Amino acid sequence: MAAPEEVRPLAEFLKGKGYCVFVPCLKGHGTSSDDLAKTSYEEWIDSVNEGYALLSSICKRVVAGGFSMGAGLALEISSRIDRVAGVFAICPPMRLQDFSSKFVPAVYTWNRLMDLAHLEDAKKEFIENKPENPEINYFRNPISGIRELGRLMDNIKNKLQYIKAPALVIQASDDPVVNPAGSRDVFKLIGTSRKEYTVFNFQRHGILRGEGAVRVYKRVLSFVEGLA
């Protein structure tokens, strides 16, 4: 539900250290929640593939990384492309804290039935979102988007074993959006033996902005520098 602006501080930090950085805008993001409602997780993967193609055409080595859903997408491409030099995943959403997310498949099925019955008014297509970064994030979260996120993470779960590049997983200890147990699962399932897990004592999900965020940037930088 965000845009490249959400990770701009990390991108600019790495750029300042001499790295070439590209942050693709995922399909359905950076515009409106109505656009997001029309996209699939395969289209998000395509957006990342385009970004990788661009960077790999001008850089000898490419590191994939991302925050939240972007972390999942970074892991996904790293499981398919052996040339990825390393991958960092910040707060990957393997498990969500919000209990209501468990009802998304049922609500999605209900909406499909209402489509068949031509009862548009009976559908529940969006839920209210209270974003940490209201100047960036959407205020409505499409049910279809939550479903696609779940499908993406289910798809990735079976691919983590194929990641052979060095990997770093970062998690906020009291993340209100992502259950830390999920990121621990991600770490355990990653195939490479060259992997690291770091926890920061934050009580928010968006740890790439706000107080203490520079500590996260420095941890990512240390990991990237170690790949040289």
C-alpha atoms as a PDB file:
ATOM      1  CA  MET A   1       0.000   0.000   0.000  1.00  0.00           C
ATOM      2  CA  ALA A   2       3.017   2.282  -0.260  1.00  0.00           C
ATOM      3  CA  ALA A   3       5.357   3.757  -2.850  1.00  0.00           C
ATOM      4  CA  PRO A   4       9.123   4.076  -3.441  1.00  0.00           C
ATOM      5  CA  GLU A   5       9.075   7.156  -1.197  1.00  0.00           C
ATOM      6  CA  GLU A   6       8.717   4.862   1.828  1.00  0.00           C
ATOM      7  CA  VAL A   7      12.214   3.424   1.326  1.00  0.00           C
ATOM      8  CA  ARG A   8      13.819   6.560  -0.125  1.00  0.00           C
ATOM      9  CA  PRO A   9      15.843   7.300   3.069  1.00  0.00           C
ATOM     10  CA  LEU A  10      17.570   3.914   2.897  1.00  0.00           C
ATOM     11  CA  ALA A  11      18.128   4.284  -0.855  1.00  0.00           C
ATOM     12  CA  GLU A  12      19.695   7.712  -0.415  1.00  0.00           C
ATOM     13  CA  PHE A  13      21.869   6.459   2.448  1.00  0.00           C
ATOM     14  CA  LEU A  14      23.268   3.661   0.275  1.00  0.00           C
ATOM     15  CA  LYS A  15      23.680   6.037  -2.652  1.00  0.00           C
ATOM     16  CA  GLY A  16      25.711   8.288  -0.372  1.00  0.00           C
ATOM     17  CA  LYS A  17      28.044   5.357   0.261  1.00  0.00           C
ATOM     18  CA  GLY A  18      28.692   4.977  -3.467  1.00  0.00           C
ATOM     19  CA  TYR A  19      26.130   2.375  -4.449  1.00  0.00           C
ATOM     20  CA  CYS A  20      23.822   2.529  -7.465  1.00  0.00           C
ATOM     21  CA  VAL A  21      20.275   2.094  -6.163  1.00  0.00           C
ATOM     22  CA  PHE A  22      16.976   1.654  -7.996  1.00  0.00           C
ATOM     23  CA  VAL A  23      13.592   1.413  -6.279  1.00  0.00           C
ATOM     24  CA  PRO A  24      10.865   0.230  -8.675  1.00  0.00           C
ATOM     25  CA  CYS A  25       7.281   1.329  -8.178  1.00  0.00           C
ATOM     26  CA  LEU A  26       5.222  -1.834  -7.982  1.00  0.00           C
ATOM     27  CA  LYS A  27       2.148  -2.214 -10.148  1.00  0.00           C
ATOM     28  CA  GLY A  28      -0.894  -0.771  -8.352  1.00  0.00           C
ATOM     29  CA  HIS A  29       1.226   1.223  -5.916  1.00  0.00           C
ATOM     30  CA  GLY A  30       1.949   4.933  -5.704  1.00  0.00           C
ATOM     31  CA  THR A  31      -1.402   5.806  -7.277  1.00  0.00           C
ATOM     32  CA  SER A  32      -4.655   4.720  -5.594  1.00  0.00           C
ATOM     33  CA  SER A  33      -6.090   1.792  -3.672  1.00  0.00           C
ATOM     34  CA  ASP A  34      -8.497   1.224  -6.578  1.00  0.00           C
ATOM     35  CA  ASP A  35      -5.493   0.465  -8.801  1.00  0.00           C
ATOM     36  CA  LEU A  36      -4.075  -1.899  -6.191  1.00  0.00           C
ATOM     37  CA  ALA A  37      -7.385  -3.778  -6.080  1.00  0.00           C
ATOM     38  CA  LYS A  38      -6.940  -4.672  -9.761  1.00  0.00           C
ATOM     39  CA  THR A  39      -3.423  -6.124  -9.541  1.00  0.00           C
ATOM     40  CA  SER A  40      -2.012  -9.567  -8.852  1.00  0.00           C
ATOM     41  CA  TYR A  41       1.136 -10.628  -7.059  1.00  0.00           C
ATOM     42  CA  GLU A  42       2.518 -11.838 -10.386  1.00  0.00           C
ATOM     43  CA  GLU A  43       2.393  -8.226 -11.594  1.00  0.00           C
ATOM     44  CA  TRP A  44       4.342  -7.121  -8.521  1.00  0.00           C
ATOM     45  CA  ILE A  45       6.967  -9.741  -9.371  1.00  0.00           C
ATOM     46  CA  ASP A  46       7.095  -8.377 -12.930  1.00  0.00           C
ATOM     47  CA  SER A  47       7.815  -4.899 -11.536  1.00  0.00           C
ATOM     48  CA  VAL A  48      10.781  -6.286  -9.593  1.00  0.00           C
ATOM     49  CA  ASN A  49      12.004  -8.230 -12.609  1.00  0.00           C
ATOM     50  CA  GLU A  50      12.052  -4.988 -14.605  1.00  0.00           C
ATOM     51  CA  GLY A  51      14.061  -3.280 -11.879  1.00  0.00           C
ATOM     52  CA  TYR A  52      16.560  -6.133 -11.769  1.00  0.00           C
ATOM     53  CA  ALA A  53      16.921  -6.084 -15.557  1.00  0.00           C
ATOM     54  CA  LEU A  54      17.705  -2.375 -15.441  1.00  0.00           C
ATOM     55  CA  LEU A  55      20.315  -2.630 -12.682  1.00  0.00           C
ATOM     56  CA  SER A  56      21.959  -5.779 -14.031  1.00  0.00           C
ATOM     57  CA  SER A  57      22.449  -4.044 -17.389  1.00  0.00           C
ATOM     58  CA  ILE A  58      24.635  -1.366 -15.809  1.00  0.00           C
ATOM     59  CA  CYS A  59      26.069  -3.057 -12.701  1.00  0.00           C
ATOM     60  CA  LYS A  60      28.311  -6.118 -12.432  1.00  0.00           C
ATOM     61  CA  ARG A  61      26.687  -7.285  -9.196  1.00  0.00           C
ATOM     62  CA  VAL A  62      23.167  -6.714  -7.922  1.00  0.00           C
ATOM     63  CA  VAL A  63      21.858  -7.067  -4.373  1.00  0.00           C
ATOM     64  CA  ALA A  64      18.102  -7.436  -3.912  1.00  0.00           C
ATOM     65  CA  GLY A  65      16.429  -5.958  -0.868  1.00  0.00           C
ATOM     66  CA  GLY A  66      13.125  -4.705   0.371  1.00  0.00           C
ATOM     67  CA  PHE A  67      10.837  -3.760   3.226  1.00  0.00           C
ATOM     68  CA  SER A  68       7.612  -5.547   4.194  1.00  0.00           C
ATOM     69  CA  MET A  69       6.002  -6.921   1.008  1.00  0.00           C
ATOM     70  CA  GLY A  70       9.063  -5.658  -0.849  1.00  0.00           C
ATOM     71  CA  ALA A  71      11.125  -7.934   1.380  1.00  0.00           C
ATOM     72  CA  GLY A  72       9.074 -10.879   0.186  1.00  0.00           C
ATOM     73  CA  LEU A  73       9.581  -9.857  -3.425  1.00  0.00           C
ATOM     74  CA  ALA A  74      13.344  -9.526  -2.891  1.00  0.00           C
ATOM     75  CA  LEU A  75      13.417 -13.055  -1.491  1.00  0.00           C
ATOM     76  CA  GLU A  76      11.326 -14.305  -4.420  1.00  0.00           C
ATOM     77  CA  ILE A  77      13.653 -12.997  -7.123  1.00  0.00           C
ATOM     78  CA  SER A  78      16.691 -14.234  -5.176  1.00  0.00           C
ATOM     79  CA  SER A  79      15.233 -17.739  -5.201  1.00  0.00           C
ATOM     80  CA  ARG A  80      15.055 -17.698  -9.024  1.00  0.00           C
ATOM     81  CA  ILE A  81      18.123 -15.792 -10.158  1.00  0.00           C
ATOM     82  CA  ASP A  82      21.461 -17.232  -9.121  1.00  0.00           C
ATOM     83  CA  ARG A  83      23.309 -14.067 -10.163  1.00  0.00           C
ATOM     84  CA  VAL A  84      21.812 -12.064  -7.280  1.00  0.00           C
ATOM     85  CA  ALA A  85      24.839 -11.305  -5.096  1.00  0.00           C
ATOM     86  CA  GLY A  86      22.894 -11.043  -1.842  1.00  0.00           C
ATOM     87  CA  VAL A  87      19.458 -10.343  -0.420  1.00  0.00           C
ATOM     88  CA  PHE A  88      18.171  -8.414   2.593  1.00  0.00           C
ATOM     89  CA  ALA A  89      14.590  -8.680   3.820  1.00  0.00           C
ATOM     90  CA  ILE A  90      13.268  -6.126   6.329  1.00  0.00           C
ATOM     91  CA  CYS A  91      10.118  -7.194   8.216  1.00  0.00           C
ATOM     92  CA  PRO A  92       8.977  -9.809   5.648  1.00  0.00           C
ATOM     93  CA  PRO A  93       5.208 -10.425   6.082  1.00  0.00           C
ATOM     94  CA  MET A  94       5.131 -14.203   6.356  1.00  0.00           C
ATOM     95  CA  ARG A  95       2.655 -13.872   9.229  1.00  0.00           C
ATOM     96  CA  LEU A  96       0.433 -10.873   9.929  1.00  0.00           C
ATOM     97  CA  GLN A  97      -0.586  -9.678  13.384  1.00  0.00           C
ATOM     98  CA  ASP A  98      -4.094  -8.571  12.390  1.00  0.00           C
ATOM     99  CA  PHE A  99      -6.516 -11.379  13.236  1.00  0.00           C
ATOM    100  CA  SER A 100      -9.000 -10.083  10.640  1.00  0.00           C
ATOM    101  CA  SER A 101      -6.573 -10.983   7.845  1.00  0.00           C
ATOM    102  CA  LYS A 102      -7.429 -14.644   8.468  1.00  0.00           C
ATOM    103  CA  PHE A 103     -10.945 -13.966   7.184  1.00  0.00           C
ATOM    104  CA  VAL A 104      -9.777 -12.501   3.871  1.00  0.00           C
ATOM    105  CA  PRO A 105     -10.187 -15.742   1.850  1.00  0.00           C
ATOM    106  CA  ALA A 106     -13.797 -16.042   3.038  1.00  0.00           C
ATOM    107  CA  VAL A 107     -14.548 -12.395   2.250  1.00  0.00           C
ATOM    108  CA  TYR A 108     -12.936 -12.742  -1.170  1.00  0.00           C
ATOM    109  CA  THR A 109     -15.127 -15.773  -1.914  1.00  0.00           C
ATOM    110  CA  TRP A 110     -18.185 -13.815  -0.741  1.00  0.00           C
ATOM    111  CA  ASN A 111     -17.326 -10.991  -3.120  1.00  0.00           C
ATOM    112  CA  ARG A 112     -17.014 -13.424  -6.002  1.00  0.00           C
ATOM    113  CA  LEU A 113     -20.448 -14.831  -5.191  1.00  0.00           C
ATOM    114  CA  MET A 114     -21.916 -11.321  -5.062  1.00  0.00           C
ATOM    115  CA  ASP A 115     -20.419 -10.667  -8.503  1.00  0.00           C
ATOM    116  CA  LEU A 116     -22.162 -13.749  -9.848  1.00  0.00           C
ATOM    117  CA  ALA A 117     -25.412 -12.656  -8.228  1.00  0.00           C
ATOM    118  CA  HIS A 118     -24.983  -9.070  -9.515  1.00  0.00           C
ATOM    119  CA  LEU A 119     -25.261  -7.734  -5.949  1.00  0.00           C
ATOM    120  CA  GLU A 120     -22.511  -5.135  -6.008  1.00  0.00           C
ATOM    121  CA  ASP A 121     -23.778  -3.328  -2.897  1.00  0.00           C
ATOM    122  CA  ALA A 122     -23.327  -6.466  -0.791  1.00  0.00           C
ATOM    123  CA  LYS A 123     -19.604  -6.710  -1.513  1.00  0.00           C
ATOM    124  CA  LYS A 124     -16.891  -5.719   0.964  1.00  0.00           C
ATOM    125  CA  GLU A 125     -13.982  -4.663  -1.218  1.00  0.00           C
ATOM    126  CA  PHE A 126     -11.924  -2.470   1.137  1.00  0.00           C
ATOM    127  CA  ILE A 127     -11.045  -2.227   4.799  1.00  0.00           C
ATOM    128  CA  GLU A 128      -9.903   0.937   6.552  1.00  0.00           C
ATOM    129  CA  ASN A 129      -6.158   1.390   6.955  1.00  0.00           C
ATOM    130  CA  LYS A 130      -4.507   3.598   9.573  1.00  0.00           C
ATOM    131  CA  PRO A 131      -1.096   4.123   7.973  1.00  0.00           C
ATOM    132  CA  GLU A 132       2.110   4.927   9.808  1.00  0.00           C
ATOM    133  CA  ASN A 133       3.035   7.230   6.923  1.00  0.00           C
ATOM    134  CA  PRO A 134      -0.245   8.878   5.830  1.00  0.00           C
ATOM    135  CA  GLU A 135       1.562  11.061   3.306  1.00  0.00           C
ATOM    136  CA  ILE A 136       2.648   7.881   1.476  1.00  0.00           C
ATOM    137  CA  ASN A 137       0.372   4.941   2.307  1.00  0.00           C
ATOM    138  CA  TYR A 138      -3.165   4.247   1.145  1.00  0.00           C
ATOM    139  CA  PHE A 139      -6.018   4.838   3.590  1.00  0.00           C
ATOM    140  CA  ARG A 140      -8.009   1.900   2.209  1.00  0.00           C
ATOM    141  CA  ASN A 141      -6.694  -1.625   1.889  1.00  0.00           C
ATOM    142  CA  PRO A 142      -8.365  -3.734  -0.821  1.00  0.00           C
ATOM    143  CA  ILE A 143      -9.435  -7.212   0.259  1.00  0.00           C
ATOM    144  CA  SER A 144      -8.027  -8.527  -3.014  1.00  0.00           C
ATOM    145  CA  GLY A 145      -4.657  -6.950  -2.182  1.00  0.00           C
ATOM    146  CA  ILE A 146      -4.459  -8.728   1.179  1.00  0.00           C
ATOM    147  CA  ARG A 147      -5.357 -11.967  -0.573  1.00  0.00           C
ATOM    148  CA  GLU A 148      -2.641 -11.433  -3.177  1.00  0.00           C
ATOM    149  CA  LEU A 149      -0.113 -10.731  -0.417  1.00  0.00           C
ATOM    150  CA  GLY A 150      -1.033 -14.050   1.179  1.00  0.00           C
ATOM    151  CA  ARG A 151      -0.681 -15.820  -2.168  1.00  0.00           C
ATOM    152  CA  LEU A 152       2.712 -14.189  -2.703  1.00  0.00           C
ATOM    153  CA  MET A 153       4.053 -15.289   0.682  1.00  0.00           C
ATOM    154  CA  ASP A 154       2.673 -18.826   0.245  1.00  0.00           C
ATOM    155  CA  ASN A 155       4.476 -18.961  -3.096  1.00  0.00           C
ATOM    156  CA  ILE A 156       7.712 -17.677  -1.587  1.00  0.00           C
ATOM    157  CA  LYS A 157       7.633 -20.060   1.366  1.00  0.00           C
ATOM    158  CA  ASN A 158       8.253 -23.002  -0.946  1.00  0.00           C
ATOM    159  CA  LYS A 159      11.096 -21.190  -2.738  1.00  0.00           C
ATOM    160  CA  LEU A 160      13.200 -20.006   0.193  1.00  0.00           C
ATOM    161  CA  GLN A 161      15.227 -23.207   0.154  1.00  0.00           C
ATOM    162  CA  TYR A 162      16.572 -22.266  -3.277  1.00  0.00           C
ATOM    163  CA  ILE A 163      18.195 -19.035  -2.096  1.00  0.00           C
ATOM    164  CA  LYS A 164      21.948 -19.603  -2.249  1.00  0.00           C
ATOM    165  CA  ALA A 165      23.173 -16.012  -2.007  1.00  0.00           C
ATOM    166  CA  PRO A 166      24.089 -14.506   1.385  1.00  0.00           C
ATOM    167  CA  ALA A 167      20.961 -13.293   3.165  1.00  0.00           C
ATOM    168  CA  LEU A 168      20.059 -10.855   5.929  1.00  0.00           C
ATOM    169  CA  VAL A 169      16.672 -10.791   7.668  1.00  0.00           C
ATOM    170  CA  ILE A 170      15.834  -7.770   9.843  1.00  0.00           C
ATOM    171  CA  GLN A 171      12.838  -7.562  12.153  1.00  0.00           C
ATOM    172  CA  ALA A 172      11.305  -5.077  14.605  1.00  0.00           C
ATOM    173  CA  SER A 173      10.813  -6.733  17.996  1.00  0.00           C
ATOM    174  CA  ASP A 174       7.325  -5.282  18.574  1.00  0.00           C
ATOM    175  CA  ASP A 175       6.082  -4.979  15.018  1.00  0.00           C
ATOM    176  CA  PRO A 176       2.317  -4.279  15.111  1.00  0.00           C
ATOM    177  CA  VAL A 177       1.824  -5.419  11.498  1.00  0.00           C
ATOM    178  CA  VAL A 178       4.144  -8.387  10.955  1.00  0.00           C
ATOM    179  CA  ASN A 179       4.452 -11.193  13.483  1.00  0.00           C
ATOM    180  CA  PRO A 180       8.183 -11.621  14.275  1.00  0.00           C
ATOM    181  CA  ALA A 181       7.658 -15.389  14.367  1.00  0.00           C
ATOM    182  CA  GLY A 182       7.059 -15.193  10.617  1.00  0.00           C
ATOM    183  CA  SER A 183      10.415 -13.559   9.907  1.00  0.00           C
ATOM    184  CA  ARG A 184      12.092 -16.230  12.035  1.00  0.00           C
ATOM    185  CA  ASP A 185      10.373 -18.835   9.856  1.00  0.00           C
ATOM    186  CA  VAL A 186      11.726 -17.063   6.771  1.00  0.00           C
ATOM    187  CA  PHE A 187      15.240 -17.103   8.201  1.00  0.00           C
ATOM    188  CA  LYS A 188      15.090 -20.819   9.014  1.00  0.00           C
ATOM    189  CA  LEU A 189      13.784 -21.735   5.555  1.00  0.00           C
ATOM    190  CA  ILE A 190      16.366 -19.755   3.544  1.00  0.00           C
ATOM    191  CA  GLY A 191      18.620 -22.313   1.892  1.00  0.00           C
ATOM    192  CA  THR A 192      21.996 -20.622   2.201  1.00  0.00           C
ATOM    193  CA  SER A 193      24.196 -21.203   5.239  1.00  0.00           C
ATOM    194  CA  ARG A 194      25.472 -17.622   4.874  1.00  0.00           C
ATOM    195  CA  LYS A 195      22.545 -15.923   6.558  1.00  0.00           C
ATOM    196  CA  GLU A 196      22.091 -13.470   9.414  1.00  0.00           C
ATOM    197  CA  TYR A 197      19.140 -12.436  11.558  1.00  0.00           C
ATOM    198  CA  THR A 198      18.963  -9.056  13.311  1.00  0.00           C
ATOM    199  CA  VAL A 199      16.256  -7.751  15.653  1.00  0.00           C
ATOM    200  CA  PHE A 200      15.828  -4.059  16.461  1.00  0.00           C
ATOM    201  CA  ASN A 201      13.940  -2.957  19.541  1.00  0.00           C
ATOM    202  CA  PHE A 202      11.269  -0.936  17.746  1.00  0.00           C
ATOM    203  CA  GLN A 203       7.539  -0.767  18.410  1.00  0.00           C
ATOM    204  CA  ARG A 204       6.560   0.054  14.831  1.00  0.00           C
ATOM    205  CA  HIS A 205       6.477  -1.638  11.439  1.00  0.00           C
ATOM    206  CA  GLY A 206       7.973   1.150   9.317  1.00  0.00           C
ATOM    207  CA  ILE A 207      11.490   0.983  10.718  1.00  0.00           C
ATOM    208  CA  LEU A 208      13.067   2.637   7.668  1.00  0.00           C
ATOM    209  CA  ARG A 209      11.685   5.986   8.808  1.00  0.00           C
ATOM    210  CA  GLY A 210      11.663   7.765  12.131  1.00  0.00           C
ATOM    211  CA  GLU A 211      13.787   7.534  15.247  1.00  0.00           C
ATOM    212  CA  GLY A 212      16.582   4.974  15.087  1.00  0.00           C
ATOM    213  CA  ALA A 213      16.130   4.229  11.389  1.00  0.00           C
ATOM    214  CA  VAL A 214      19.776   5.034  10.662  1.00  0.00           C
ATOM    215  CA  ARG A 215      20.737   1.999  12.748  1.00  0.00           C
ATOM    216  CA  VAL A 216      18.850  -0.150  10.248  1.00  0.00           C
ATOM    217  CA  TYR A 217      20.570   1.570   7.307  1.00  0.00           C
ATOM    218  CA  LYS A 218      23.972   0.903   8.851  1.00  0.00           C
ATOM    219  CA  ARG A 219      23.120  -2.764   9.383  1.00  0.00           C
ATOM    220  CA  VAL A 220      22.132  -3.095   5.725  1.00  0.00           C
ATOM    221  CA  LEU A 221      25.297  -1.282   4.690  1.00  0.00           C
ATOM    222  CA  SER A 222      27.447  -3.612   6.790  1.00  0.00           C
ATOM    223  CA  PHE A 223      25.823  -6.601   5.108  1.00  0.00           C
ATOM    224  CA  VAL A 224      26.286  -5.192   1.599  1.00  0.00           C
ATOM    225  CA  GLU A 225      29.901  -4.233   2.269  1.00  0.00           C
ATOM    226  CA  GLY A 226      30.553  -7.770   3.480  1.00  0.00           C
ATOM    227  CA  LEU A 227      29.584  -9.126   0.060  1.00  0.00           C
ATOM    228  CA  ALA A 228      32.521  -7.417  -1.646  1.00  0.00           C
END
